[in-house]
Amino acid sequence: MIDKKINKTGLCKAAGITTNAMAKLGRDETVTQETLEKICVALNCTLDDIVEIKPDNSNI
């Protein structure tokens, strides 16, 4: 977002996502793949540019 000079509100509008979805992203909660795809299209990037996958160590 910094590279594209866009804020959260602007991204919501550009991607056509709700502010609720953006809030979930900020809290590291689950969002749909469709939401992530819309963000990638709006930012002209790939999924690996916006997603970090961390191992779930809670079952250890």
C-alpha atoms as a PDB file:
ATOM      1  CA  MET A   1       0.000   0.000   0.000  1.00  0.00           C
ATOM      2  CA  ILE A   2       2.878   2.345   0.765  1.00  0.00           C
ATOM      3  CA  ASP A   3       4.448   1.723  -2.641  1.00  0.00           C
ATOM      4  CA  LYS A   4       1.110   2.462  -4.338  1.00  0.00           C
ATOM      5  CA  LYS A   5       0.500   5.517  -2.108  1.00  0.00           C
ATOM      6  CA  ILE A   6      -2.950   4.302  -1.095  1.00  0.00           C
ATOM      7  CA  ASN A   7      -4.563   4.213   2.343  1.00  0.00           C
ATOM      8  CA  LYS A   8      -6.974   1.613   3.741  1.00  0.00           C
ATOM      9  CA  THR A   9     -10.054   3.567   2.719  1.00  0.00           C
ATOM     10  CA  GLY A  10      -8.738   4.023  -0.803  1.00  0.00           C
ATOM     11  CA  LEU A  11      -7.904   0.331  -1.056  1.00  0.00           C
ATOM     12  CA  CYS A  12     -11.389  -0.630   0.091  1.00  0.00           C
ATOM     13  CA  LYS A  13     -12.878   1.511  -2.664  1.00  0.00           C
ATOM     14  CA  ALA A  14     -10.392   0.428  -5.350  1.00  0.00           C
ATOM     15  CA  ALA A  15     -10.750  -3.266  -4.512  1.00  0.00           C
ATOM     16  CA  GLY A  16     -14.479  -3.190  -3.848  1.00  0.00           C
ATOM     17  CA  ILE A  17     -14.122  -4.731  -0.393  1.00  0.00           C
ATOM     18  CA  THR A  18     -15.852  -3.782   2.821  1.00  0.00           C
ATOM     19  CA  THR A  19     -14.256  -1.925   5.688  1.00  0.00           C
ATOM     20  CA  ASN A  20     -15.140  -4.996   7.762  1.00  0.00           C
ATOM     21  CA  ALA A  21     -12.897  -7.149   5.555  1.00  0.00           C
ATOM     22  CA  MET A  22     -10.094  -4.607   5.915  1.00  0.00           C
ATOM     23  CA  ALA A  23     -10.525  -4.636   9.692  1.00  0.00           C
ATOM     24  CA  LYS A  24     -10.278  -8.438   9.708  1.00  0.00           C
ATOM     25  CA  LEU A  25      -7.011  -8.202   7.796  1.00  0.00           C
ATOM     26  CA  GLY A  26      -5.691  -5.787  10.394  1.00  0.00           C
ATOM     27  CA  ARG A  27      -6.568  -8.205  13.182  1.00  0.00           C
ATOM     28  CA  ASP A  28      -5.041 -11.220  11.360  1.00  0.00           C
ATOM     29  CA  GLU A  29      -8.469 -12.847  11.111  1.00  0.00           C
ATOM     30  CA  THR A  30      -9.722 -15.080   8.316  1.00  0.00           C
ATOM     31  CA  VAL A  31     -10.796 -13.429   5.064  1.00  0.00           C
ATOM     32  CA  THR A  32     -11.996 -15.020   1.862  1.00  0.00           C
ATOM     33  CA  GLN A  33      -9.776 -15.824  -1.058  1.00  0.00           C
ATOM     34  CA  GLU A  34     -12.032 -13.575  -3.141  1.00  0.00           C
ATOM     35  CA  THR A  35     -11.150 -10.627  -0.891  1.00  0.00           C
ATOM     36  CA  LEU A  36      -7.439 -11.323  -1.286  1.00  0.00           C
ATOM     37  CA  GLU A  37      -7.858 -11.617  -5.052  1.00  0.00           C
ATOM     38  CA  LYS A  38      -9.628  -8.245  -5.233  1.00  0.00           C
ATOM     39  CA  ILE A  39      -6.798  -6.626  -3.263  1.00  0.00           C
ATOM     40  CA  CYS A  40      -4.198  -8.157  -5.591  1.00  0.00           C
ATOM     41  CA  VAL A  41      -6.031  -6.850  -8.645  1.00  0.00           C
ATOM     42  CA  ALA A  42      -6.383  -3.375  -7.134  1.00  0.00           C
ATOM     43  CA  LEU A  43      -2.703  -3.229  -6.168  1.00  0.00           C
ATOM     44  CA  ASN A  44      -1.493  -5.004  -9.324  1.00  0.00           C
ATOM     45  CA  CYS A  45       0.413  -7.558  -7.260  1.00  0.00           C
ATOM     46  CA  THR A  46       0.427 -11.277  -6.511  1.00  0.00           C
ATOM     47  CA  LEU A  47      -0.805 -13.155  -3.479  1.00  0.00           C
ATOM     48  CA  ASP A  48       2.698 -13.709  -2.139  1.00  0.00           C
ATOM     49  CA  ASP A  49       3.142  -9.918  -2.048  1.00  0.00           C
ATOM     50  CA  ILE A  50       0.327  -9.517   0.477  1.00  0.00           C
ATOM     51  CA  VAL A  51       0.161 -12.830   2.376  1.00  0.00           C
ATOM     52  CA  GLU A  52       2.554 -14.333   4.878  1.00  0.00           C
ATOM     53  CA  ILE A  53       1.927 -17.937   5.863  1.00  0.00           C
ATOM     54  CA  LYS A  54       3.048 -18.863   9.351  1.00  0.00           C
ATOM     55  CA  PRO A  55       3.028 -22.378  10.775  1.00  0.00           C
ATOM     56  CA  ASP A  56       0.351 -23.151  13.333  1.00  0.00           C
ATOM     57  CA  ASN A  57       2.254 -24.301  16.411  1.00  0.00           C
ATOM     58  CA  SER A  58      -0.801 -24.544  18.654  1.00  0.00           C
ATOM     59  CA  ASN A  59      -1.039 -28.335  18.175  1.00  0.00           C
ATOM     60  CA  ILE A  60       2.502 -29.040  19.342  1.00  0.00           C
END
